[in-house]
Amino acid sequence: MTGITQGSGSKPAHVTDQNSSSSAATLAAATSVLGDAVKAIQSKSGNNTFGKGDNEALIKLIMQLIQVIDDKLPPTEPSKPQPKPLQLTRQQDKAVRERFDIKGALSYEVLDSKKDGKLSAGDTLVISGGITGGEISRKKLTQQDVKAINGGSSTSSDAQQQLDANRKKWDSLDIDDYSFTLQRNCFCRGDAIRPINIEVRDGSVKSATYADTGELLPDDRQTNKQSIYNLNADGLFNLVEQGIKGGAAKVDVSYDKQYGLPASIYIDQSFQIADEEMGYTISNFRPEPSFTTLMVGEEDGGLPPVDDPIATTLAIGEEDGGHHDYK
């Protein structure tokens, strides 16, 4: 998941150890002034350098404290000019919103931190909105981000085309009997991340067993749409398609070159939500041979052969099938 860091404050860089002595002098002077003012206020007499009455003394105290601090503190460095927002194209805007899941009342701007007048790695994405309408998060764009925004990596339409092509390849092979190992990759515990051996017959999952123990998982596909028993080849393709059409912030899929079957799937529904990503690894795929029972004599696909004629013993004179007259 792409990391997004919150903005944070920091101490001015010009406040260093060399200012320790001046800070100490400032504190001592301020303490002395404060002590005199307190005495004047308590005595409520005019025989002091702060004037008459506690109000006047308090005002003079504040003014003198301000003057002491101004005299002792080092000069403030001028603030650096903030980078200006970049003007993105409509295609770039769409890519930014898709990649970083900027929807609804959320808004954003990309600050030209590189000051080169174009979208570059190192520029700052600032996302605003929510209840206050203020800044929610900011992040430095990476080279991969810039490539994706500029159209150099898979968009949702490209991902759909890849899915369609590999699904067509799989369908063309007409494989109904096969097995593979599936493992979830998520912020989960226990059985949820144990590898599972899945056996498919006639296109439907026949059994699902834990790879480490051989324990059979219960078939709950009738009551659970996310049942492991729904994850045959079609189920894996459907997972990818749901991520694409559901507007997931990120869908990364690798496909087996020979069979077209997904080999790994990673879906991040939102960059703004932590730990909801889900991944799947598919390994040990093995198509099972199909067997056909043939009748004896049908090995060549024809009818059973006709038996050879049985030999017959003929009487003398019947070789030609006729009868002879005997005189």
Foldseek 3Di string as FASTA:
>chain_A
DDDWAADDDDDDPPDDPVLVVLVVVLVVVLVVLVVQLVVCAVVQDQPGPQGHHNVSSVVVSVVVNVVSCVVRDDDDDDDDDFFDFADDDPLLVVQVCLQFVQDDQKDWTWGPPVPPRDDDFQIKIWIAGDPVRGTDTMDGHHPVSVCSSVPNDDDLVNLVVLLVVLVVLQVVVVFQWKKWKKAKDFPDDDPNGFIWIFTGHRNWTPWIAGPVPRHTDDDPVVPDVPDPRCPDQVSQSVVQVCLSVVSFSDWDWDADPNNSGTQKIWTHRHPVDPGPIMMMGIGPMDGDDDDDDDDPQCPVPDDRDDDDDDDDDDDPPCPVPDDDDDD
